Amino acid sequence: MRLRTGVRDPFIDLIRVVATALVVLQHCLMPVFSVRGNELQAGNALATPGWWVITWLSQVMPLVFIAGGAANSLSYRSHVERGGEPAHWLAKRVRRLAIPVLPLAAVWIPLPHLLLALGVPEQPVHLAAAVVPQLLWFLVVYLAAVLCTPLAVAAHRRFGLAVLPALALVAVGVDVLRFNWIEQAGYLNAVVVWLAVHQLGLCYADGLFERLTRRGAALLSVAGFGSTALLVAFGPYPTSMIGMPGAPLSNMNPPTICLLGLACGQLGLALLARRTLLRWAARPRVTAVLRAMAPRMMTVYLWHMSALAVITGITVIGLGYRTPNPDGLAWWLIAPLWLAAVLVVLIGLVRLFARFEAEQPAQAGTPGGLGRVLAGAVLVAAGLLGFTVGGFGPAASAGLFAGPLPWVVALLAGLLLTAPVRVAKAAGSKTVEPKTVEPKTVAARPTAAPEPVPAPRERALARN
């Protein structure tokens, strides 16, 4: 089976932007804040009875991984067909994920010390320093999907759609193990489930879903949401598709097979709305907004919780604001104002830090071999995972891996290993000085043909 290459799908770009925007919207409106003494209490608006239904649409990480799978497939295949090495593609992808994290760590590692020195209550500071880096879980799992892309593409070429049920069966097996014998085994699905959803993106990139009629897309959506509903009704799975405070089980941490059903349901809905969404995106004003947002979505994702922390600190900690009851009219009236305040701060942060997401200038040398790049990727993943679990705050205890600094070292070491390598001249080699030759004594030689310049579409795809 042959994947399409050399094509950038605007629908995938649109899904990425819209899905990331929905993630920001959910994270900003979800918390229910109050202060007791010097402690910040944070509830979850989606824990309101009956609101779990919203999470079946607002939990859009499946769409993010589907879009990522399609983009990775198209980019990787195009890179290889132009004669590029897989290691070079992986190195560039790893660095694009890791470099935007550096300014986030540079701000948040010293910030708790500064806030505590200024007299800010300790509990809210530690809570913010722990919550902000939890977003990095996505980069850890997505990095695993990127590293598996060459294998995923090869498997799809050979087995086609059969890869999906195989991964789904493995995910089911992990859930059975988790719920019956070894609870910690469920974290294996942090890779298996998201790889299966990522594989859906490869199927889309191959054009498999283009064959679906509107009725077929509707059937895909019904099958996806229907299977999820059956799992929730007759299995051990909670109704909410996000983690709820105090809930004994979560479909997200670790992920369950429900998310694969949810991914199929959401993909079916997206395919049903594809023509309408593309017409809407083609409007000049919408196009301008999407073009401005698309190259900054990683920055938006990484910094939106920081913007939320700023507004929370000013209003809740500083002014004593308390979030109204989510099932009352006051919450609906204040929610747009709250969201607008967070967005104002977020826009400022994006303007300041989006430069780190921009395409890096070409550096001399070439990336190292596959082993070097994989080692760098493992170190980057370790650093990101360390931040996710341990937070940006001061070390709570002594130890080699206590505090954020060891994870900074791992992240920087990984970036160093994935950086282009300069080829040193062999020791003892003689430098031959060019001789001055009279023009009349030089025989005419054919000029080498210049290398072809990639077309704009290929350059855009290579950067993706």
Protein backbone atom coordinates (compact mmCIF):
# COMPACT_ATOMS: atom_id res chain seq x y z
CA MET A 1 0.00 0.00 0.00
CA ARG A 2 1.47 3.36 -1.02
CA LEU A 3 1.07 6.50 1.05
CA ARG A 4 0.49 9.87 -0.56
CA THR A 5 3.39 12.29 -0.38
CA GLY A 6 4.13 15.83 -1.47
CA VAL A 7 0.68 17.03 -0.35
CA ARG A 8 -0.14 19.33 2.54
CA ASP A 9 -3.74 18.86 3.60
CA PRO A 10 -5.39 22.10 4.81
CA PHE A 11 -7.98 20.03 6.65
CA ILE A 12 -5.27 18.52 8.87
CA ASP A 13 -3.83 21.98 9.57
CA LEU A 14 -7.33 23.19 10.45
CA ILE A 15 -7.91 20.27 12.83
CA ARG A 16 -4.63 20.99 14.60
CA VAL A 17 -5.49 24.64 15.18
CA VAL A 18 -9.10 24.06 16.21
CA ALA A 19 -8.23 21.13 18.49
CA THR A 20 -5.48 23.07 20.26
CA ALA A 21 -7.84 26.01 20.69
CA LEU A 22 -10.41 23.67 22.28
CA VAL A 23 -7.75 22.31 24.65
CA VAL A 24 -6.99 25.86 25.78
CA LEU A 25 -10.72 26.65 26.13
CA GLN A 26 -11.35 23.57 28.27
CA HIS A 27 -8.33 24.12 30.52
CA CYS A 28 -9.25 27.77 31.11
CA LEU A 29 -12.93 27.21 31.90
CA MET A 30 -12.61 23.91 33.76
CA PRO A 31 -11.14 25.06 37.13
CA VAL A 32 -13.41 26.13 39.98
CA PHE A 33 -11.23 28.25 42.29
CA SER A 34 -11.64 29.32 45.88
CA VAL A 35 -9.29 30.25 48.73
CA ARG A 36 -9.32 28.82 52.24
CA GLY A 37 -6.83 30.61 54.41
CA ASN A 38 -3.65 30.70 52.37
CA GLU A 39 -4.52 27.61 50.33
CA LEU A 40 -5.90 27.60 46.79
CA GLN A 41 -8.69 25.08 46.23
CA ALA A 42 -9.29 23.95 42.65
CA GLY A 43 -12.33 21.95 41.64
CA ASN A 44 -13.50 20.89 38.18
CA ALA A 45 -16.54 22.39 36.50
CA LEU A 46 -16.92 19.26 34.37
CA ALA A 47 -17.57 17.28 37.56
CA THR A 48 -21.02 18.93 37.60
CA PRO A 49 -23.66 16.16 37.34
CA GLY A 50 -24.40 15.37 33.70
CA TRP A 51 -21.53 17.45 32.32
CA TRP A 52 -19.46 14.34 31.57
CA VAL A 53 -21.23 14.32 28.19
CA ILE A 54 -19.30 17.47 27.25
CA THR A 55 -15.99 15.63 27.63
CA TRP A 56 -16.88 13.30 24.74
CA LEU A 57 -16.46 16.31 22.45
CA SER A 58 -14.17 18.59 24.47
CA GLN A 59 -11.53 15.88 24.97
CA VAL A 60 -9.91 16.49 21.59
CA MET A 61 -6.49 14.95 22.16
CA PRO A 62 -7.53 12.08 19.86
CA LEU A 63 -7.96 14.59 17.02
CA VAL A 64 -4.56 16.10 17.82
CA PHE A 65 -2.89 12.69 17.49
CA ILE A 66 -4.83 11.90 14.30
CA ALA A 67 -3.66 15.16 12.74
CA GLY A 68 -0.14 14.49 13.96
CA GLY A 69 -0.16 11.01 12.44
CA ALA A 70 -1.24 12.36 9.06
CA ALA A 71 1.32 15.18 9.12
CA ASN A 72 4.15 12.89 10.25
CA SER A 73 3.32 10.36 7.56
CA LEU A 74 3.27 12.90 4.74
CA SER A 75 6.42 14.66 5.98
CA TYR A 76 8.42 11.47 6.55
CA ARG A 77 7.51 9.89 3.23
CA SER A 78 8.35 13.07 1.36
CA HIS A 79 11.71 13.31 3.18
CA VAL A 80 12.68 9.73 2.34
CA GLU A 81 11.55 9.93 -1.29
CA ARG A 82 13.79 12.97 -1.73
CA GLY A 83 16.72 10.83 -0.60
CA GLY A 84 16.83 11.96 3.04
CA GLU A 85 17.96 9.75 5.89
CA PRO A 86 15.35 8.71 8.51
CA ALA A 87 17.75 9.79 11.27
CA HIS A 88 17.85 13.32 9.88
CA TRP A 89 14.04 13.55 9.85
CA LEU A 90 13.83 12.22 13.41
CA ALA A 91 16.48 14.64 14.66
CA LYS A 92 14.67 17.64 13.23
CA ARG A 93 11.34 16.46 14.64
CA VAL A 94 12.79 15.90 18.12
CA ARG A 95 14.36 19.36 18.20
CA ARG A 96 11.14 21.04 17.06
CA LEU A 97 9.35 19.44 20.01
CA ALA A 98 12.04 20.11 22.61
CA ILE A 99 13.40 23.59 21.88
CA PRO A 100 10.15 25.49 22.74
CA VAL A 101 10.25 23.88 26.20
CA LEU A 102 13.55 25.60 27.08
CA PRO A 103 12.09 29.09 27.70
CA LEU A 104 9.21 27.56 29.70
CA ALA A 105 11.72 25.85 32.00
CA ALA A 106 13.92 28.95 32.10
CA VAL A 107 10.99 31.01 33.41
CA TRP A 108 9.35 28.52 35.75
CA ILE A 109 12.35 26.97 37.50
CA PRO A 110 13.46 30.24 39.18
CA LEU A 111 9.94 31.74 39.37
CA PRO A 112 8.75 29.78 42.47
CA HIS A 113 11.83 30.93 44.41
CA LEU A 114 11.14 34.53 43.43
CA LEU A 115 7.44 34.37 44.34
CA LEU A 116 8.16 32.79 47.72
CA ALA A 117 10.78 35.46 48.43
CA LEU A 118 8.15 38.12 47.65
CA GLY A 119 5.81 36.63 50.24
CA VAL A 120 3.32 34.79 48.02
CA PRO A 121 1.69 31.92 49.98
CA GLU A 122 3.60 28.68 49.59
CA GLN A 123 0.79 26.29 48.63
CA PRO A 124 -0.45 28.19 45.53
CA VAL A 125 3.14 28.62 44.31
CA HIS A 126 3.92 24.92 44.61
CA LEU A 127 0.55 24.03 43.03
CA ALA A 128 1.23 26.22 39.99
CA ALA A 129 4.80 24.90 39.63
CA ALA A 130 3.41 21.36 39.64
CA VAL A 131 0.42 21.91 37.34
CA VAL A 132 2.03 23.97 34.55
CA PRO A 133 4.53 21.26 33.44
CA GLN A 134 1.89 18.52 33.49
CA LEU A 135 1.09 19.64 29.94
CA LEU A 136 4.39 18.10 28.86
CA TRP A 137 2.92 14.59 29.06
CA PHE A 138 1.65 15.21 25.55
CA LEU A 139 5.15 15.91 24.23
CA VAL A 140 6.49 12.71 25.81
CA VAL A 141 3.86 10.52 24.17
CA TYR A 142 3.93 12.43 20.90
CA LEU A 143 7.72 12.05 20.80
CA ALA A 144 7.23 8.28 21.10
CA ALA A 145 4.80 8.45 18.16
CA VAL A 146 7.34 10.45 16.12
CA LEU A 147 10.07 7.88 16.81
CA CYS A 148 7.72 5.08 15.77
CA THR A 149 6.66 6.85 12.55
CA PRO A 150 9.16 5.03 10.26
CA LEU A 151 7.97 1.68 11.66
CA ALA A 152 4.32 2.76 11.49
CA VAL A 153 4.68 3.82 7.85
CA ALA A 154 6.39 0.52 6.97
CA ALA A 155 3.69 -1.47 8.78
CA HIS A 156 0.93 0.45 7.04
CA ARG A 157 2.49 -0.12 3.63
CA ARG A 158 2.58 -3.85 4.27
CA PHE A 159 -0.56 -4.51 6.31
CA GLY A 160 -2.76 -1.48 5.69
CA LEU A 161 -5.76 -1.03 7.94
CA ALA A 162 -5.01 -4.32 9.74
CA VAL A 163 -2.47 -2.51 11.93
CA LEU A 164 -5.30 -0.73 13.76
CA PRO A 165 -7.18 -3.79 15.11
CA ALA A 166 -3.85 -5.33 16.10
CA LEU A 167 -2.98 -2.29 18.22
CA ALA A 168 -6.54 -2.19 19.57
CA LEU A 169 -6.27 -5.83 20.73
CA VAL A 170 -3.02 -5.04 22.53
CA ALA A 171 -4.69 -2.05 24.22
CA VAL A 172 -7.61 -4.24 25.32
CA GLY A 173 -5.15 -6.78 26.73
CA VAL A 174 -3.41 -4.05 28.72
CA ASP A 175 -6.75 -2.86 30.12
CA VAL A 176 -7.66 -6.41 31.15
CA LEU A 177 -4.31 -6.72 32.91
CA ARG A 178 -4.80 -3.33 34.58
CA PHE A 179 -8.29 -3.90 35.88
CA ASN A 180 -7.80 -7.50 37.02
CA TRP A 181 -4.22 -8.06 38.11
CA ILE A 182 -1.56 -5.36 37.78
CA GLU A 183 -2.92 -1.81 38.00
CA GLN A 184 0.37 -0.14 37.00
CA ALA A 185 0.39 -2.11 33.73
CA GLY A 186 -2.21 0.36 32.48
CA TYR A 187 0.54 2.89 31.78
CA LEU A 188 1.63 0.74 28.83
CA ASN A 189 -1.44 2.11 27.08
CA ALA A 190 0.06 5.59 27.29
CA VAL A 191 2.00 4.38 24.27
CA VAL A 192 -0.24 1.69 22.73
CA VAL A 193 -3.53 3.65 22.70
CA TRP A 194 -1.99 6.86 21.37
CA LEU A 195 -0.01 4.95 18.76
CA ALA A 196 -3.28 3.40 17.58
CA VAL A 197 -4.88 6.85 17.34
CA HIS A 198 -1.75 8.14 15.56
CA GLN A 199 -2.14 5.24 13.11
CA LEU A 200 -5.60 6.53 12.24
CA GLY A 201 -3.81 9.62 10.96
CA LEU A 202 -1.66 7.46 8.67
CA CYS A 203 -4.84 5.90 7.29
CA TYR A 204 -6.23 9.36 6.61
CA ALA A 205 -2.97 10.41 4.90
CA ASP A 206 -3.24 7.34 2.68
CA GLY A 207 -6.67 8.49 1.49
CA LEU A 208 -8.56 5.56 3.02
CA PHE A 209 -11.23 7.81 4.51
CA GLU A 210 -11.68 9.76 1.28
CA ARG A 211 -13.60 6.77 0.00
CA LEU A 212 -16.23 7.30 2.70
CA THR A 213 -19.49 8.90 1.68
CA ARG A 214 -21.29 11.14 4.13
CA ARG A 215 -23.26 8.10 5.21
CA GLY A 216 -19.99 6.21 5.73
CA ALA A 217 -18.57 9.05 7.84
CA ALA A 218 -21.77 9.07 9.91
CA LEU A 219 -21.50 5.30 10.41
CA LEU A 220 -17.86 5.68 11.51
CA SER A 221 -18.92 8.29 14.06
CA VAL A 222 -21.81 6.20 15.35
CA ALA A 223 -19.58 3.12 15.59
CA GLY A 224 -16.89 5.06 17.48
CA PHE A 225 -19.17 6.75 19.98
CA GLY A 226 -21.35 3.64 20.21
CA SER A 227 -18.45 1.35 21.09
CA THR A 228 -17.30 3.87 23.70
CA ALA A 229 -20.81 3.97 25.17
CA LEU A 230 -20.90 0.15 25.39
CA LEU A 231 -17.51 0.08 27.11
CA VAL A 232 -18.70 2.65 29.64
CA ALA A 233 -22.07 0.95 30.20
CA PHE A 234 -20.84 -2.62 30.62
CA GLY A 235 -17.16 -2.26 31.45
CA PRO A 236 -15.13 -0.79 34.30
CA TYR A 237 -14.64 2.53 32.50
CA PRO A 238 -15.78 5.93 33.88
CA THR A 239 -18.21 8.05 31.90
CA SER A 240 -15.92 11.09 31.68
CA MET A 241 -13.18 11.18 29.04
CA ILE A 242 -10.98 13.35 31.28
CA GLY A 243 -9.68 12.70 34.79
CA MET A 244 -12.02 13.90 37.52
CA PRO A 245 -10.92 14.96 41.02
CA GLY A 246 -11.47 12.20 43.52
CA ALA A 247 -12.51 9.64 40.88
CA PRO A 248 -10.99 6.17 41.45
CA LEU A 249 -10.50 5.58 37.69
CA SER A 250 -9.62 7.71 34.69
CA ASN A 251 -9.82 7.17 30.96
CA MET A 252 -6.88 9.54 30.46
CA ASN A 253 -4.30 8.73 33.10
CA PRO A 254 -3.51 6.09 32.07
CA PRO A 255 -5.46 6.06 28.81
CA THR A 256 -7.93 3.27 28.09
CA ILE A 257 -9.31 1.68 24.95
CA CYS A 258 -12.25 4.11 25.26
CA LEU A 259 -10.07 6.83 23.72
CA LEU A 260 -9.65 4.83 20.51
CA GLY A 261 -13.44 4.55 20.18
CA LEU A 262 -13.70 8.25 20.95
CA ALA A 263 -11.10 8.97 18.25
CA CYS A 264 -13.16 7.12 15.63
CA GLY A 265 -16.31 8.95 16.70
CA GLN A 266 -14.67 12.37 16.53
CA LEU A 267 -12.97 11.58 13.22
CA GLY A 268 -16.32 10.59 11.73
CA LEU A 269 -17.82 13.90 12.84
CA ALA A 270 -14.86 15.83 11.44
CA LEU A 271 -15.17 14.05 8.08
CA LEU A 272 -18.88 14.83 8.01
CA ALA A 273 -18.12 18.51 8.53
CA ARG A 274 -15.02 18.58 6.28
CA ARG A 275 -16.49 20.51 3.36
CA THR A 276 -18.23 23.01 5.63
CA LEU A 277 -15.10 23.56 7.70
CA LEU A 278 -12.91 24.08 4.63
CA ARG A 279 -15.38 26.62 3.18
CA TRP A 280 -15.37 28.46 6.50
CA ALA A 281 -11.56 28.35 6.67
CA ALA A 282 -11.34 29.78 3.14
CA ARG A 283 -12.86 33.11 4.23
CA PRO A 284 -10.17 35.80 4.14
CA ARG A 285 -10.42 36.80 7.79
CA VAL A 286 -10.51 33.20 9.00
CA THR A 287 -7.61 32.33 6.73
CA ALA A 288 -5.57 35.20 8.17
CA VAL A 289 -6.26 34.05 11.74
CA LEU A 290 -5.40 30.43 10.94
CA ARG A 291 -2.16 31.42 9.20
CA ALA A 292 -1.17 33.48 12.22
CA MET A 293 -2.01 30.69 14.68
CA ALA A 294 -0.71 27.61 12.84
CA PRO A 295 3.04 28.24 13.34
CA ARG A 296 2.49 29.20 16.98
CA MET A 297 0.29 26.38 18.25
CA MET A 298 3.05 24.70 20.27
CA THR A 299 3.72 28.00 22.04
CA VAL A 300 0.01 28.47 22.70
CA TYR A 301 -0.21 24.97 24.15
CA LEU A 302 2.89 25.31 26.34
CA TRP A 303 2.06 28.74 27.78
CA HIS A 304 -1.72 28.79 28.23
CA MET A 305 -1.52 27.31 31.72
CA SER A 306 0.99 30.00 32.65
CA ALA A 307 -1.50 32.63 31.48
CA LEU A 308 -4.17 30.93 33.59
CA ALA A 309 -1.79 30.97 36.58
CA VAL A 310 -1.22 34.72 36.16
CA ILE A 311 -4.94 35.54 36.13
CA THR A 312 -5.61 33.14 39.00
CA GLY A 313 -2.86 34.70 41.07
CA ILE A 314 -4.16 38.22 40.52
CA THR A 315 -7.88 37.57 40.96
CA VAL A 316 -8.15 34.59 43.30
CA ILE A 317 -5.03 34.93 45.46
CA GLY A 318 -4.73 38.71 45.26
CA LEU A 319 -8.37 39.87 45.17
CA GLY A 320 -10.15 36.91 46.81
CA TYR A 321 -12.28 36.06 43.76
CA ARG A 322 -14.25 32.84 43.95
CA THR A 323 -15.52 30.96 40.87
CA PRO A 324 -19.33 30.83 40.88
CA ASN A 325 -21.15 27.53 40.98
CA PRO A 326 -20.83 26.06 37.44
CA ASP A 327 -24.51 25.13 37.22
CA GLY A 328 -25.65 28.69 37.95
CA LEU A 329 -26.25 31.71 35.72
CA ALA A 330 -23.37 33.69 37.26
CA TRP A 331 -20.82 31.17 35.95
CA TRP A 332 -22.11 31.54 32.40
CA LEU A 333 -22.01 35.34 32.62
CA ILE A 334 -18.49 35.51 34.07
CA ALA A 335 -16.91 32.71 31.99
CA PRO A 336 -16.43 34.88 28.84
CA LEU A 337 -14.77 37.64 30.91
CA TRP A 338 -12.50 35.12 32.62
CA LEU A 339 -11.54 33.58 29.28
CA ALA A 340 -10.87 37.00 27.75
CA ALA A 341 -8.54 37.92 30.61
CA VAL A 342 -6.56 34.70 30.20
CA LEU A 343 -6.34 35.21 26.42
CA VAL A 344 -4.95 38.74 26.84
CA VAL A 345 -2.08 37.40 28.95
CA LEU A 346 -1.62 34.42 26.61
CA ILE A 347 -1.30 36.67 23.54
CA GLY A 348 1.48 38.57 25.28
CA LEU A 349 3.30 35.37 26.19
CA VAL A 350 2.96 34.01 22.65
CA ARG A 351 4.38 37.21 21.18
CA LEU A 352 7.32 36.92 23.54
CA PHE A 353 8.12 33.21 23.16
CA ALA A 354 6.85 32.16 19.70
CA ARG A 355 10.31 32.85 18.27
CA PHE A 356 11.52 29.60 19.86
CA GLU A 357 8.97 27.65 17.83
CA ALA A 358 9.96 29.30 14.57
CA GLU A 359 11.91 27.32 12.00
CA GLN A 360 15.53 27.21 13.11
CA PRO A 361 18.16 28.42 10.62
CA ALA A 362 20.14 25.69 8.90
CA GLN A 363 23.33 24.78 10.76
CA ALA A 364 26.59 23.52 9.33
CA GLY A 365 27.07 19.77 9.45
CA THR A 366 24.63 16.90 9.36
CA PRO A 367 22.77 15.10 12.17
CA GLY A 368 24.54 12.09 13.60
CA GLY A 369 23.64 8.48 12.97
CA LEU A 370 20.42 6.78 14.01
CA GLY A 371 21.88 5.53 17.29
CA ARG A 372 22.98 9.01 18.31
CA VAL A 373 19.61 10.52 17.42
CA LEU A 374 17.69 7.82 19.31
CA ALA A 375 19.86 8.32 22.38
CA GLY A 376 19.18 12.05 22.19
CA ALA A 377 15.45 11.43 21.84
CA VAL A 378 15.46 9.17 24.91
CA LEU A 379 17.21 11.88 26.94
CA VAL A 380 14.75 14.51 25.72
CA ALA A 381 11.82 12.24 26.66
CA ALA A 382 13.37 11.60 30.09
CA GLY A 383 13.74 15.33 30.69
CA LEU A 384 10.15 16.06 29.64
CA LEU A 385 8.82 13.18 31.73
CA GLY A 386 10.82 14.36 34.73
CA PHE A 387 9.26 17.82 34.45
CA THR A 388 5.79 16.29 34.04
CA VAL A 389 6.03 14.15 37.16
CA GLY A 390 8.27 16.27 39.38
CA GLY A 391 7.19 19.77 38.36
CA PHE A 392 9.21 22.96 38.15
CA GLY A 393 9.17 23.67 41.89
CA PRO A 394 12.03 23.36 44.38
CA ALA A 395 13.10 19.85 45.34
CA ALA A 396 10.88 18.41 48.07
CA SER A 397 13.61 16.00 49.18
CA ALA A 398 17.28 15.32 48.66
CA GLY A 399 18.41 12.91 45.97
CA LEU A 400 20.15 12.60 42.63
CA PHE A 401 16.94 13.13 40.65
CA ALA A 402 15.25 15.57 43.03
CA GLY A 403 14.15 18.91 41.65
CA PRO A 404 14.03 20.11 38.04
CA LEU A 405 17.76 20.60 37.36
CA PRO A 406 18.55 16.94 36.48
CA TRP A 407 15.79 17.08 33.87
CA VAL A 408 17.21 20.29 32.43
CA VAL A 409 20.53 18.49 32.00
CA ALA A 410 18.79 15.54 30.30
CA LEU A 411 16.90 17.85 27.94
CA LEU A 412 20.01 19.82 26.98
CA ALA A 413 22.04 16.65 26.50
CA GLY A 414 19.33 15.26 24.23
CA LEU A 415 19.31 18.44 22.16
CA LEU A 416 23.10 18.27 21.90
CA LEU A 417 22.98 14.69 20.58
CA THR A 418 20.34 15.57 17.97
CA ALA A 419 22.16 18.70 16.78
CA PRO A 420 24.02 18.70 13.44
CA VAL A 421 27.55 17.33 13.73
CA ARG A 422 30.50 19.09 12.15
CA VAL A 423 32.82 16.66 10.39
CA ALA A 424 36.35 17.34 11.65
CA LYS A 425 39.31 17.08 9.29
CA ALA A 426 41.43 14.00 9.88
CA ALA A 427 44.52 14.60 12.02
CA GLY A 428 47.75 14.86 10.06
CA SER A 429 46.04 15.67 6.81
CA LYS A 430 47.84 18.27 4.74
CA THR A 431 46.16 21.43 3.73
CA VAL A 432 46.84 22.03 0.07
CA GLU A 433 47.10 25.67 -0.78
CA PRO A 434 45.47 26.56 -4.08
CA LYS A 435 47.89 27.47 -6.81
CA THR A 436 47.55 30.63 -8.80
CA VAL A 437 47.10 29.63 -12.42
CA GLU A 438 47.06 31.98 -15.34
CA PRO A 439 43.64 32.03 -16.95
CA LYS A 440 45.02 31.19 -20.37
CA THR A 441 46.53 27.94 -19.13
CA VAL A 442 43.33 26.62 -17.61
CA ALA A 443 41.35 24.29 -19.78
CA ALA A 444 37.63 24.86 -19.93
CA ARG A 445 35.68 22.47 -17.73
CA PRO A 446 31.99 21.73 -17.74
CA THR A 447 30.15 23.47 -14.93
CA ALA A 448 28.30 21.14 -12.55
CA ALA A 449 24.55 21.48 -12.72
CA PRO A 450 23.10 23.21 -9.67
CA GLU A 451 21.02 21.16 -7.31
CA PRO A 452 17.29 21.58 -7.86
CA VAL A 453 15.62 24.04 -5.54
CA PRO A 454 12.65 22.48 -3.72
CA ALA A 455 9.28 23.86 -4.68
CA PRO A 456 7.52 26.03 -2.06
CA ARG A 457 5.11 23.24 -1.20
CA GLU A 458 7.97 20.80 -0.61
CA ARG A 459 9.80 23.33 1.53
CA ALA A 460 6.69 23.83 3.64
CA LEU A 461 6.24 20.10 3.95
CA ALA A 462 9.84 19.57 4.95
CA ARG A 463 9.42 22.11 7.74
CA ASN A 464 6.25 20.49 9.00
